[in-house]
Amino acid sequence: MEKKAQVEILGLVIVVILILLGLVFVIKYIILDPQTPIRQDFLKTQLAANMINSVLSTSTKDCYGTTLKDLIINCYDKSGDQMICENGMPSCRYLNTTLQDIFSETLDVWGKKYTFLICEWDNDNEECELESEITHLERVGCLDPSVTRIEEKQSPIPTDRGQLDIKISICD
């Protein structure tokens, strides 16, 4: 009887040791494993793409539930005849205020450097045509040549007057 109890206790000890070894493996290789550069680059790439997608699909609360994409188009197509939002603000001013709020509550809080532009993009000169610029937001600017750009994403927005581009650069 005594020998049977000793074998059972030995079995329990082995099970406990195996569980501890499993926990050590999990802690060492999953929890304490630093992010690989590829994963970090992927996450930064996704951040830029997700910011653009989020901005374009965000609905307004004080402008008839219009998406920001539709406000961008309204602001560009009808620069002289802008829609007036429920709060009495013209669509372009409402758009810029909302974008500033979005970026101040996300990338600014996260300490990310960025440049965000909405304009007609001149592909020949690879720059924004200043007379068509609707929005230009930045935090510690990515336009400075000494700053390393981690990720840039650009997305076209077709309008009645032509094509606008929304571009975000996230920097180190």
C-alpha atoms as a PDB file:
ATOM      1  CA  MET A   1       0.000   0.000   0.000  1.00  0.00           C
ATOM      2  CA  GLU A   2       2.840   2.338   0.926  1.00  0.00           C
ATOM      3  CA  LYS A   3       4.596   1.649  -2.358  1.00  0.00           C
ATOM      4  CA  LYS A   4       1.420   2.457  -4.349  1.00  0.00           C
ATOM      5  CA  ALA A   5       1.094   5.841  -2.581  1.00  0.00           C
ATOM      6  CA  GLN A   6       4.734   6.633  -3.300  1.00  0.00           C
ATOM      7  CA  VAL A   7       4.236   5.873  -7.016  1.00  0.00           C
ATOM      8  CA  GLU A   8       1.147   8.120  -7.114  1.00  0.00           C
ATOM      9  CA  ILE A   9       3.047  10.985  -5.441  1.00  0.00           C
ATOM     10  CA  LEU A  10       5.926  10.487  -7.892  1.00  0.00           C
ATOM     11  CA  GLY A  11       3.416  10.694 -10.755  1.00  0.00           C
ATOM     12  CA  LEU A  12       2.002  13.961  -9.395  1.00  0.00           C
ATOM     13  CA  VAL A  13       5.517  15.389  -9.039  1.00  0.00           C
ATOM     14  CA  ILE A  14       6.245  14.524 -12.679  1.00  0.00           C
ATOM     15  CA  VAL A  15       3.014  16.225 -13.809  1.00  0.00           C
ATOM     16  CA  VAL A  16       3.857  19.366 -11.800  1.00  0.00           C
ATOM     17  CA  ILE A  17       7.382  19.441 -13.289  1.00  0.00           C
ATOM     18  CA  LEU A  18       5.968  19.133 -16.830  1.00  0.00           C
ATOM     19  CA  ILE A  19       3.522  21.996 -16.179  1.00  0.00           C
ATOM     20  CA  LEU A  20       6.354  24.168 -14.815  1.00  0.00           C
ATOM     21  CA  LEU A  21       8.521  23.398 -17.856  1.00  0.00           C
ATOM     22  CA  GLY A  22       5.607  24.385 -20.092  1.00  0.00           C
ATOM     23  CA  LEU A  23       5.183  27.689 -18.230  1.00  0.00           C
ATOM     24  CA  VAL A  24       8.912  28.423 -18.493  1.00  0.00           C
ATOM     25  CA  PHE A  25       8.702  27.817 -22.255  1.00  0.00           C
ATOM     26  CA  VAL A  26       5.688  30.126 -22.592  1.00  0.00           C
ATOM     27  CA  ILE A  27       7.335  32.899 -20.579  1.00  0.00           C
ATOM     28  CA  LYS A  28      10.696  32.658 -22.353  1.00  0.00           C
ATOM     29  CA  TYR A  29       9.575  32.344 -25.966  1.00  0.00           C
ATOM     30  CA  ILE A  30       6.230  34.117 -26.074  1.00  0.00           C
ATOM     31  CA  ILE A  31       6.033  36.731 -23.339  1.00  0.00           C
ATOM     32  CA  LEU A  32       9.684  37.818 -23.121  1.00  0.00           C
ATOM     33  CA  ASP A  33      10.466  37.414 -26.834  1.00  0.00           C
ATOM     34  CA  PRO A  34      11.133  40.871 -28.295  1.00  0.00           C
ATOM     35  CA  GLN A  35       9.295  41.833 -31.464  1.00  0.00           C
ATOM     36  CA  THR A  36      11.207  41.014 -34.588  1.00  0.00           C
ATOM     37  CA  PRO A  37      11.974  43.888 -36.992  1.00  0.00           C
ATOM     38  CA  ILE A  38       9.693  42.319 -39.612  1.00  0.00           C
ATOM     39  CA  ARG A  39       6.780  42.251 -37.174  1.00  0.00           C
ATOM     40  CA  GLN A  40       7.479  45.837 -36.078  1.00  0.00           C
ATOM     41  CA  ASP A  41       7.573  47.012 -39.717  1.00  0.00           C
ATOM     42  CA  PHE A  42       4.346  45.150 -40.435  1.00  0.00           C
ATOM     43  CA  LEU A  43       2.627  46.769 -37.436  1.00  0.00           C
ATOM     44  CA  LYS A  44       3.775  50.232 -38.566  1.00  0.00           C
ATOM     45  CA  THR A  45       2.593  49.514 -42.109  1.00  0.00           C
ATOM     46  CA  GLN A  46      -0.754  48.494 -40.752  1.00  0.00           C
ATOM     47  CA  LEU A  47      -0.955  51.636 -38.624  1.00  0.00           C
ATOM     48  CA  ALA A  48      -0.679  53.915 -41.661  1.00  0.00           C
ATOM     49  CA  ALA A  49      -3.181  51.891 -43.702  1.00  0.00           C
ATOM     50  CA  ASN A  50      -5.596  51.592 -40.781  1.00  0.00           C
ATOM     51  CA  MET A  51      -5.474  55.342 -40.099  1.00  0.00           C
ATOM     52  CA  ILE A  52      -6.465  56.120 -43.682  1.00  0.00           C
ATOM     53  CA  ASN A  53      -9.224  53.490 -43.680  1.00  0.00           C
ATOM     54  CA  SER A  54     -10.527  54.743 -40.339  1.00  0.00           C
ATOM     55  CA  VAL A  55     -10.539  58.374 -41.427  1.00  0.00           C
ATOM     56  CA  LEU A  56     -12.361  57.631 -44.675  1.00  0.00           C
ATOM     57  CA  SER A  57     -15.056  55.509 -43.040  1.00  0.00           C
ATOM     58  CA  THR A  58     -15.654  57.604 -39.903  1.00  0.00           C
ATOM     59  CA  SER A  59     -19.185  59.005 -39.667  1.00  0.00           C
ATOM     60  CA  THR A  60     -19.793  62.450 -38.242  1.00  0.00           C
ATOM     61  CA  LYS A  61     -22.047  63.130 -35.291  1.00  0.00           C
ATOM     62  CA  ASP A  62     -22.800  66.819 -35.986  1.00  0.00           C
ATOM     63  CA  CYS A  63     -22.940  66.775 -39.788  1.00  0.00           C
ATOM     64  CA  TYR A  64     -25.921  64.587 -40.671  1.00  0.00           C
ATOM     65  CA  GLY A  65     -23.935  61.347 -40.165  1.00  0.00           C
ATOM     66  CA  THR A  66     -21.922  62.069 -43.296  1.00  0.00           C
ATOM     67  CA  THR A  67     -18.666  60.117 -43.609  1.00  0.00           C
ATOM     68  CA  LEU A  68     -15.420  62.060 -43.560  1.00  0.00           C
ATOM     69  CA  LYS A  69     -14.756  60.786 -47.091  1.00  0.00           C
ATOM     70  CA  ASP A  70     -17.969  62.480 -48.265  1.00  0.00           C
ATOM     71  CA  LEU A  71     -17.009  65.667 -46.414  1.00  0.00           C
ATOM     72  CA  ILE A  72     -13.621  65.627 -48.161  1.00  0.00           C
ATOM     73  CA  ILE A  73     -15.358  65.309 -51.533  1.00  0.00           C
ATOM     74  CA  ASN A  74     -17.879  68.047 -50.634  1.00  0.00           C
ATOM     75  CA  CYS A  75     -15.124  70.350 -49.471  1.00  0.00           C
ATOM     76  CA  TYR A  76     -13.128  69.832 -52.677  1.00  0.00           C
ATOM     77  CA  ASP A  77     -15.926  69.736 -55.271  1.00  0.00           C
ATOM     78  CA  LYS A  78     -17.933  72.628 -53.873  1.00  0.00           C
ATOM     79  CA  SER A  79     -15.313  74.834 -52.277  1.00  0.00           C
ATOM     80  CA  GLY A  80     -17.532  77.888 -52.863  1.00  0.00           C
ATOM     81  CA  ASP A  81     -20.796  76.133 -51.934  1.00  0.00           C
ATOM     82  CA  GLN A  82     -19.973  73.988 -48.921  1.00  0.00           C
ATOM     83  CA  MET A  83     -22.490  71.965 -46.980  1.00  0.00           C
ATOM     84  CA  ILE A  84     -23.385  73.510 -43.607  1.00  0.00           C
ATOM     85  CA  CYS A  85     -23.329  70.981 -40.788  1.00  0.00           C
ATOM     86  CA  GLU A  86     -25.949  70.718 -38.042  1.00  0.00           C
ATOM     87  CA  ASN A  87     -23.754  72.733 -35.688  1.00  0.00           C
ATOM     88  CA  GLY A  88     -23.601  75.611 -38.213  1.00  0.00           C
ATOM     89  CA  MET A  89     -19.999  74.916 -39.246  1.00  0.00           C
ATOM     90  CA  PRO A  90     -19.088  74.738 -42.975  1.00  0.00           C
ATOM     91  CA  SER A  91     -18.052  71.250 -44.114  1.00  0.00           C
ATOM     92  CA  CYS A  92     -14.368  72.137 -44.678  1.00  0.00           C
ATOM     93  CA  ARG A  93     -13.923  73.638 -41.235  1.00  0.00           C
ATOM     94  CA  TYR A  94     -15.840  70.759 -39.637  1.00  0.00           C
ATOM     95  CA  LEU A  95     -13.652  68.272 -41.533  1.00  0.00           C
ATOM     96  CA  ASN A  96     -10.417  69.908 -40.366  1.00  0.00           C
ATOM     97  CA  THR A  97     -11.606  70.188 -36.763  1.00  0.00           C
ATOM     98  CA  THR A  98     -12.683  66.534 -36.726  1.00  0.00           C
ATOM     99  CA  LEU A  99      -9.398  65.356 -38.247  1.00  0.00           C
ATOM    100  CA  GLN A 100      -7.415  67.350 -35.682  1.00  0.00           C
ATOM    101  CA  ASP A 101      -9.480  65.714 -32.925  1.00  0.00           C
ATOM    102  CA  ILE A 102      -8.912  62.222 -34.350  1.00  0.00           C
ATOM    103  CA  PHE A 103      -5.152  62.658 -34.648  1.00  0.00           C
ATOM    104  CA  SER A 104      -4.767  64.387 -31.277  1.00  0.00           C
ATOM    105  CA  GLU A 105      -6.559  61.458 -29.601  1.00  0.00           C
ATOM    106  CA  THR A 106      -4.611  58.732 -31.419  1.00  0.00           C
ATOM    107  CA  LEU A 107      -1.194  59.296 -32.989  1.00  0.00           C
ATOM    108  CA  ASP A 108      -0.396  62.323 -30.802  1.00  0.00           C
ATOM    109  CA  VAL A 109      -1.230  60.383 -27.629  1.00  0.00           C
ATOM    110  CA  TRP A 110       0.839  57.427 -28.872  1.00  0.00           C
ATOM    111  CA  GLY A 111       3.809  59.747 -29.470  1.00  0.00           C
ATOM    112  CA  LYS A 112       3.960  59.056 -33.214  1.00  0.00           C
ATOM    113  CA  LYS A 113       5.446  61.587 -35.633  1.00  0.00           C
ATOM    114  CA  TYR A 114       3.377  61.958 -38.783  1.00  0.00           C
ATOM    115  CA  THR A 115       2.344  64.095 -41.718  1.00  0.00           C
ATOM    116  CA  PHE A 116      -1.202  63.823 -43.032  1.00  0.00           C
ATOM    117  CA  LEU A 117      -2.250  65.471 -46.301  1.00  0.00           C
ATOM    118  CA  ILE A 118      -5.387  65.622 -48.398  1.00  0.00           C
ATOM    119  CA  CYS A 119      -4.804  67.285 -51.767  1.00  0.00           C
ATOM    120  CA  GLU A 120      -4.365  66.800 -55.486  1.00  0.00           C
ATOM    121  CA  TRP A 121      -1.120  64.866 -55.708  1.00  0.00           C
ATOM    122  CA  ASP A 122       1.376  65.824 -58.411  1.00  0.00           C
ATOM    123  CA  ASN A 123       2.981  62.483 -59.327  1.00  0.00           C
ATOM    124  CA  ASP A 124       5.607  64.156 -61.508  1.00  0.00           C
ATOM    125  CA  ASN A 125       7.005  66.236 -58.647  1.00  0.00           C
ATOM    126  CA  GLU A 126       5.866  63.858 -55.899  1.00  0.00           C
ATOM    127  CA  GLU A 127       4.302  66.646 -53.901  1.00  0.00           C
ATOM    128  CA  CYS A 128       0.988  68.122 -52.977  1.00  0.00           C
ATOM    129  CA  GLU A 129      -0.383  70.864 -55.204  1.00  0.00           C
ATOM    130  CA  LEU A 130      -0.704  73.603 -52.604  1.00  0.00           C
ATOM    131  CA  GLU A 131      -3.701  75.343 -54.191  1.00  0.00           C
ATOM    132  CA  SER A 132      -5.708  72.108 -53.875  1.00  0.00           C
ATOM    133  CA  GLU A 133      -4.664  71.299 -50.297  1.00  0.00           C
ATOM    134  CA  ILE A 134      -7.670  70.593 -48.080  1.00  0.00           C
ATOM    135  CA  THR A 135      -5.850  69.412 -44.965  1.00  0.00           C
ATOM    136  CA  HIS A 136      -2.272  69.347 -43.744  1.00  0.00           C
ATOM    137  CA  LEU A 137      -1.708  68.006 -40.239  1.00  0.00           C
ATOM    138  CA  GLU A 138       1.608  67.025 -38.753  1.00  0.00           C
ATOM    139  CA  ARG A 139       3.348  66.285 -35.507  1.00  0.00           C
ATOM    140  CA  VAL A 140       7.081  67.000 -35.560  1.00  0.00           C
ATOM    141  CA  GLY A 141       6.796  66.763 -39.350  1.00  0.00           C
ATOM    142  CA  CYS A 142       7.847  63.943 -41.587  1.00  0.00           C
ATOM    143  CA  LEU A 143       8.621  66.328 -44.433  1.00  0.00           C
ATOM    144  CA  ASP A 144      12.058  67.109 -42.988  1.00  0.00           C
ATOM    145  CA  PRO A 145      14.633  65.147 -45.056  1.00  0.00           C
ATOM    146  CA  SER A 146      16.575  64.248 -41.906  1.00  0.00           C
ATOM    147  CA  VAL A 147      13.607  62.290 -40.502  1.00  0.00           C
ATOM    148  CA  THR A 148      13.379  58.583 -41.334  1.00  0.00           C
ATOM    149  CA  ARG A 149      10.008  57.666 -42.789  1.00  0.00           C
ATOM    150  CA  ILE A 150       8.838  54.310 -41.552  1.00  0.00           C
ATOM    151  CA  GLU A 151       5.709  54.041 -43.602  1.00  0.00           C
ATOM    152  CA  GLU A 152       3.730  55.991 -46.129  1.00  0.00           C
ATOM    153  CA  LYS A 153       0.314  55.160 -47.442  1.00  0.00           C
ATOM    154  CA  GLN A 154      -1.589  56.995 -50.111  1.00  0.00           C
ATOM    155  CA  SER A 155      -5.170  56.414 -51.154  1.00  0.00           C
ATOM    156  CA  PRO A 156      -7.030  58.012 -54.069  1.00  0.00           C
ATOM    157  CA  ILE A 157     -10.421  59.667 -53.645  1.00  0.00           C
ATOM    158  CA  PRO A 158     -12.255  60.157 -56.958  1.00  0.00           C
ATOM    159  CA  THR A 159     -14.360  63.327 -57.181  1.00  0.00           C
ATOM    160  CA  ASP A 160     -16.324  65.205 -59.866  1.00  0.00           C
ATOM    161  CA  ARG A 161     -13.425  67.669 -60.261  1.00  0.00           C
ATOM    162  CA  GLY A 162     -10.684  65.057 -60.432  1.00  0.00           C
ATOM    163  CA  GLN A 163      -8.754  62.826 -58.083  1.00  0.00           C
ATOM    164  CA  LEU A 164      -7.719  63.761 -54.582  1.00  0.00           C
ATOM    165  CA  ASP A 165      -5.174  61.819 -52.598  1.00  0.00           C
ATOM    166  CA  ILE A 166      -5.093  61.218 -48.901  1.00  0.00           C
ATOM    167  CA  LYS A 167      -1.550  60.537 -47.724  1.00  0.00           C
ATOM    168  CA  ILE A 168      -0.066  59.730 -44.357  1.00  0.00           C
ATOM    169  CA  SER A 169       3.613  59.377 -43.473  1.00  0.00           C
ATOM    170  CA  ILE A 170       4.600  57.945 -40.110  1.00  0.00           C
ATOM    171  CA  CYS A 171       8.180  58.636 -39.031  1.00  0.00           C
ATOM    172  CA  ASP A 172      10.793  57.665 -36.453  1.00  0.00           C
END
